[in-house]
Amino acid sequence: MTEVTQLNLRSLLPAKDAKIIIKIKNDKNISLKEAYLTFFTSDIYKQLETESTKRWWQSSEQIFEDWQRRTKKSAM
């Protein structure tokens, strides 16, 4: 099995990103473009694209739920 490194991490993310973006789109009832921008500018995405956080290991559902919690906290 190939070791996941910062250099090859990006090859693992597109499918996971797509699932999360669709969940954000449906959850917030926004356009796909808005959901894309919302996710890719979030702290959660910054963590996901950093190999050392190991977020890439989590399911798209777990990452989405964490994104929801953080979004609700920041709205308070």
N, C-alpha and C. Protein backbone atom coordinates (compact mmCIF):
# COMPACT_ATOMS: atom_id res chain seq x y z
N MET A 1 0.84 -1.17 0.00
CA MET A 1 0.00 0.00 0.00
C MET A 1 0.89 1.25 0.00
N THR A 2 0.49 2.25 -0.75
CA THR A 2 1.24 3.48 -0.85
C THR A 2 0.98 4.37 0.36
N GLU A 3 2.01 4.95 0.88
CA GLU A 3 1.88 5.86 2.01
C GLU A 3 1.29 7.19 1.53
N VAL A 4 0.36 7.74 2.30
CA VAL A 4 -0.22 9.04 1.97
C VAL A 4 0.73 10.12 2.48
N THR A 5 1.09 11.01 1.57
CA THR A 5 1.98 12.13 1.91
C THR A 5 1.32 13.42 1.44
N GLN A 6 1.88 14.53 1.83
CA GLN A 6 1.35 15.82 1.38
C GLN A 6 1.37 15.91 -0.15
N LEU A 7 2.35 15.27 -0.77
CA LEU A 7 2.48 15.33 -2.24
C LEU A 7 1.38 14.56 -2.97
N ASN A 8 0.95 13.43 -2.43
CA ASN A 8 -0.06 12.64 -3.14
C ASN A 8 -1.47 12.75 -2.55
N LEU A 9 -1.61 13.53 -1.50
CA LEU A 9 -2.91 13.67 -0.84
C LEU A 9 -3.99 14.19 -1.78
N ARG A 10 -3.65 15.15 -2.62
CA ARG A 10 -4.64 15.76 -3.51
C ARG A 10 -5.33 14.76 -4.43
N SER A 11 -4.69 13.66 -4.71
CA SER A 11 -5.32 12.65 -5.56
C SER A 11 -6.45 11.91 -4.84
N LEU A 12 -6.45 11.96 -3.52
CA LEU A 12 -7.49 11.30 -2.73
C LEU A 12 -8.72 12.17 -2.48
N LEU A 13 -8.58 13.47 -2.64
CA LEU A 13 -9.62 14.39 -2.18
C LEU A 13 -10.80 14.65 -3.12
N PRO A 14 -10.67 14.62 -4.43
CA PRO A 14 -11.79 15.04 -5.28
C PRO A 14 -13.13 14.35 -5.02
N ALA A 15 -13.15 13.06 -4.86
CA ALA A 15 -14.42 12.35 -4.62
C ALA A 15 -15.00 12.74 -3.26
N LYS A 16 -14.16 12.85 -2.27
CA LYS A 16 -14.61 13.24 -0.93
C LYS A 16 -15.12 14.69 -0.96
N ASP A 17 -14.37 15.57 -1.61
CA ASP A 17 -14.79 16.97 -1.74
C ASP A 17 -16.17 17.07 -2.38
N ALA A 18 -16.37 16.34 -3.46
CA ALA A 18 -17.64 16.40 -4.19
C ALA A 18 -18.81 16.00 -3.29
N LYS A 19 -18.65 14.94 -2.52
CA LYS A 19 -19.72 14.49 -1.63
C LYS A 19 -20.04 15.55 -0.58
N ILE A 20 -19.02 16.16 -0.03
CA ILE A 20 -19.22 17.19 1.01
C ILE A 20 -19.88 18.42 0.41
N ILE A 21 -19.45 18.82 -0.77
CA ILE A 21 -20.02 20.01 -1.43
C ILE A 21 -21.50 19.81 -1.73
N ILE A 22 -21.88 18.62 -2.17
CA ILE A 22 -23.30 18.33 -2.43
C ILE A 22 -24.09 18.40 -1.13
N LYS A 23 -23.53 17.88 -0.04
CA LYS A 23 -24.21 17.94 1.26
C LYS A 23 -24.39 19.39 1.71
N ILE A 24 -23.38 20.22 1.51
CA ILE A 24 -23.48 21.64 1.88
C ILE A 24 -24.54 22.32 1.03
N LYS A 25 -24.54 22.05 -0.27
CA LYS A 25 -25.52 22.62 -1.19
C LYS A 25 -26.94 22.30 -0.72
N ASN A 26 -27.18 21.05 -0.41
CA ASN A 26 -28.51 20.63 0.02
C ASN A 26 -28.87 21.16 1.41
N ASP A 27 -27.91 21.18 2.30
CA ASP A 27 -28.15 21.65 3.66
C ASP A 27 -28.48 23.13 3.71
N LYS A 28 -27.77 23.93 2.93
CA LYS A 28 -27.96 25.38 2.96
C LYS A 28 -28.88 25.88 1.85
N ASN A 29 -29.31 24.97 0.96
CA ASN A 29 -30.17 25.32 -0.17
C ASN A 29 -29.55 26.45 -0.99
N ILE A 30 -28.30 26.24 -1.40
CA ILE A 30 -27.55 27.23 -2.17
C ILE A 30 -27.09 26.60 -3.48
N SER A 31 -26.56 27.41 -4.36
CA SER A 31 -26.08 26.90 -5.64
C SER A 31 -24.83 26.04 -5.43
N LEU A 32 -24.54 25.26 -6.44
CA LEU A 32 -23.35 24.41 -6.38
C LEU A 32 -22.09 25.27 -6.28
N LYS A 33 -22.05 26.37 -7.01
CA LYS A 33 -20.90 27.27 -6.96
C LYS A 33 -20.72 27.85 -5.57
N GLU A 34 -21.83 28.28 -4.94
CA GLU A 34 -21.75 28.82 -3.58
C GLU A 34 -21.28 27.76 -2.59
N ALA A 35 -21.77 26.54 -2.75
CA ALA A 35 -21.35 25.45 -1.86
C ALA A 35 -19.87 25.15 -2.04
N TYR A 36 -19.42 25.16 -3.28
CA TYR A 36 -18.01 24.95 -3.60
C TYR A 36 -17.14 26.00 -2.91
N LEU A 37 -17.51 27.26 -3.07
CA LEU A 37 -16.75 28.35 -2.46
C LEU A 37 -16.81 28.29 -0.93
N THR A 38 -17.97 27.96 -0.40
CA THR A 38 -18.15 27.84 1.04
C THR A 38 -17.20 26.79 1.62
N PHE A 39 -17.15 25.64 0.97
CA PHE A 39 -16.30 24.56 1.48
C PHE A 39 -14.81 24.86 1.30
N PHE A 40 -14.43 25.30 0.10
CA PHE A 40 -13.01 25.50 -0.17
C PHE A 40 -12.40 26.69 0.54
N THR A 41 -13.20 27.53 1.15
CA THR A 41 -12.66 28.64 1.94
C THR A 41 -12.81 28.39 3.44
N SER A 42 -13.23 27.19 3.81
CA SER A 42 -13.45 26.88 5.23
C SER A 42 -12.18 26.34 5.90
N ASP A 43 -12.16 26.46 7.21
CA ASP A 43 -11.06 25.89 8.00
C ASP A 43 -11.03 24.36 7.87
N ILE A 44 -12.21 23.78 7.76
CA ILE A 44 -12.29 22.32 7.62
C ILE A 44 -11.54 21.87 6.36
N TYR A 45 -11.72 22.59 5.27
CA TYR A 45 -11.02 22.20 4.04
C TYR A 45 -9.51 22.39 4.20
N LYS A 46 -9.11 23.45 4.85
CA LYS A 46 -7.68 23.66 5.07
C LYS A 46 -7.08 22.49 5.84
N GLN A 47 -7.83 21.99 6.81
CA GLN A 47 -7.37 20.82 7.57
C GLN A 47 -7.35 19.57 6.68
N LEU A 48 -8.40 19.42 5.86
CA LEU A 48 -8.50 18.26 4.99
C LEU A 48 -7.33 18.18 4.01
N GLU A 49 -6.90 19.30 3.50
CA GLU A 49 -5.81 19.28 2.52
C GLU A 49 -4.42 19.24 3.16
N THR A 50 -4.37 19.19 4.49
CA THR A 50 -3.10 19.07 5.21
C THR A 50 -2.96 17.64 5.71
N GLU A 51 -2.04 16.91 5.15
CA GLU A 51 -1.90 15.48 5.46
C GLU A 51 -1.73 15.21 6.94
N SER A 52 -0.99 16.04 7.64
CA SER A 52 -0.67 15.77 9.04
C SER A 52 -1.89 15.80 9.97
N THR A 53 -2.99 16.39 9.55
CA THR A 53 -4.21 16.40 10.38
C THR A 53 -4.94 15.07 10.33
N LYS A 54 -4.65 14.28 9.31
CA LYS A 54 -5.29 12.97 9.08
C LYS A 54 -6.80 13.08 8.84
N ARG A 55 -7.30 14.27 8.54
CA ARG A 55 -8.73 14.44 8.23
C ARG A 55 -9.13 13.64 7.01
N TRP A 56 -8.21 13.45 6.08
CA TRP A 56 -8.50 12.69 4.86
C TRP A 56 -8.96 11.28 5.17
N TRP A 57 -8.66 10.82 6.35
CA TRP A 57 -9.03 9.47 6.77
C TRP A 57 -10.51 9.39 7.15
N GLN A 58 -11.10 10.52 7.54
CA GLN A 58 -12.50 10.55 7.94
C GLN A 58 -13.42 10.43 6.73
N SER A 59 -14.64 9.96 7.00
CA SER A 59 -15.61 9.86 5.92
C SER A 59 -16.13 11.25 5.56
N SER A 60 -16.71 11.37 4.38
CA SER A 60 -17.27 12.65 3.97
C SER A 60 -18.40 13.05 4.93
N GLU A 61 -19.12 12.09 5.44
CA GLU A 61 -20.20 12.38 6.40
C GLU A 61 -19.65 12.97 7.69
N GLN A 62 -18.57 12.41 8.21
CA GLN A 62 -17.96 12.93 9.43
C GLN A 62 -17.44 14.35 9.22
N ILE A 63 -16.82 14.58 8.09
CA ILE A 63 -16.29 15.92 7.81
C ILE A 63 -17.42 16.92 7.64
N PHE A 64 -18.49 16.52 6.95
CA PHE A 64 -19.65 17.40 6.79
C PHE A 64 -20.28 17.74 8.14
N GLU A 65 -20.45 16.75 8.99
CA GLU A 65 -21.05 16.99 10.31
C GLU A 65 -20.19 17.95 11.13
N ASP A 66 -18.88 17.80 11.05
CA ASP A 66 -17.99 18.72 11.75
C ASP A 66 -18.12 20.12 11.15
N TRP A 67 -18.19 20.21 9.84
CA TRP A 67 -18.39 21.50 9.17
C TRP A 67 -19.69 22.15 9.66
N GLN A 68 -20.77 21.37 9.76
CA GLN A 68 -22.05 21.89 10.25
C GLN A 68 -21.92 22.44 11.66
N ARG A 69 -21.29 21.67 12.55
CA ARG A 69 -21.13 22.10 13.94
C ARG A 69 -20.36 23.43 14.01
N ARG A 70 -19.27 23.50 13.27
CA ARG A 70 -18.45 24.73 13.30
C ARG A 70 -19.22 25.91 12.71
N THR A 71 -19.99 25.67 11.68
CA THR A 71 -20.78 26.73 11.05
C THR A 71 -21.84 27.25 12.03
N LYS A 72 -22.48 26.35 12.74
CA LYS A 72 -23.50 26.75 13.72
C LYS A 72 -22.86 27.52 14.87
N LYS A 73 -21.69 27.09 15.32
CA LYS A 73 -20.99 27.78 16.40
C LYS A 73 -20.62 29.21 16.00
N SER A 74 -20.11 29.36 14.78
CA SER A 74 -19.69 30.70 14.34
C SER A 74 -20.87 31.61 14.07
N ALA A 75 -22.06 31.04 13.85
CA ALA A 75 -23.26 31.87 13.61
C ALA A 75 -23.86 32.38 14.92
N MET A 76 -23.45 31.79 16.04
CA MET A 76 -24.02 32.18 17.33
C MET A 76 -23.44 33.48 17.82
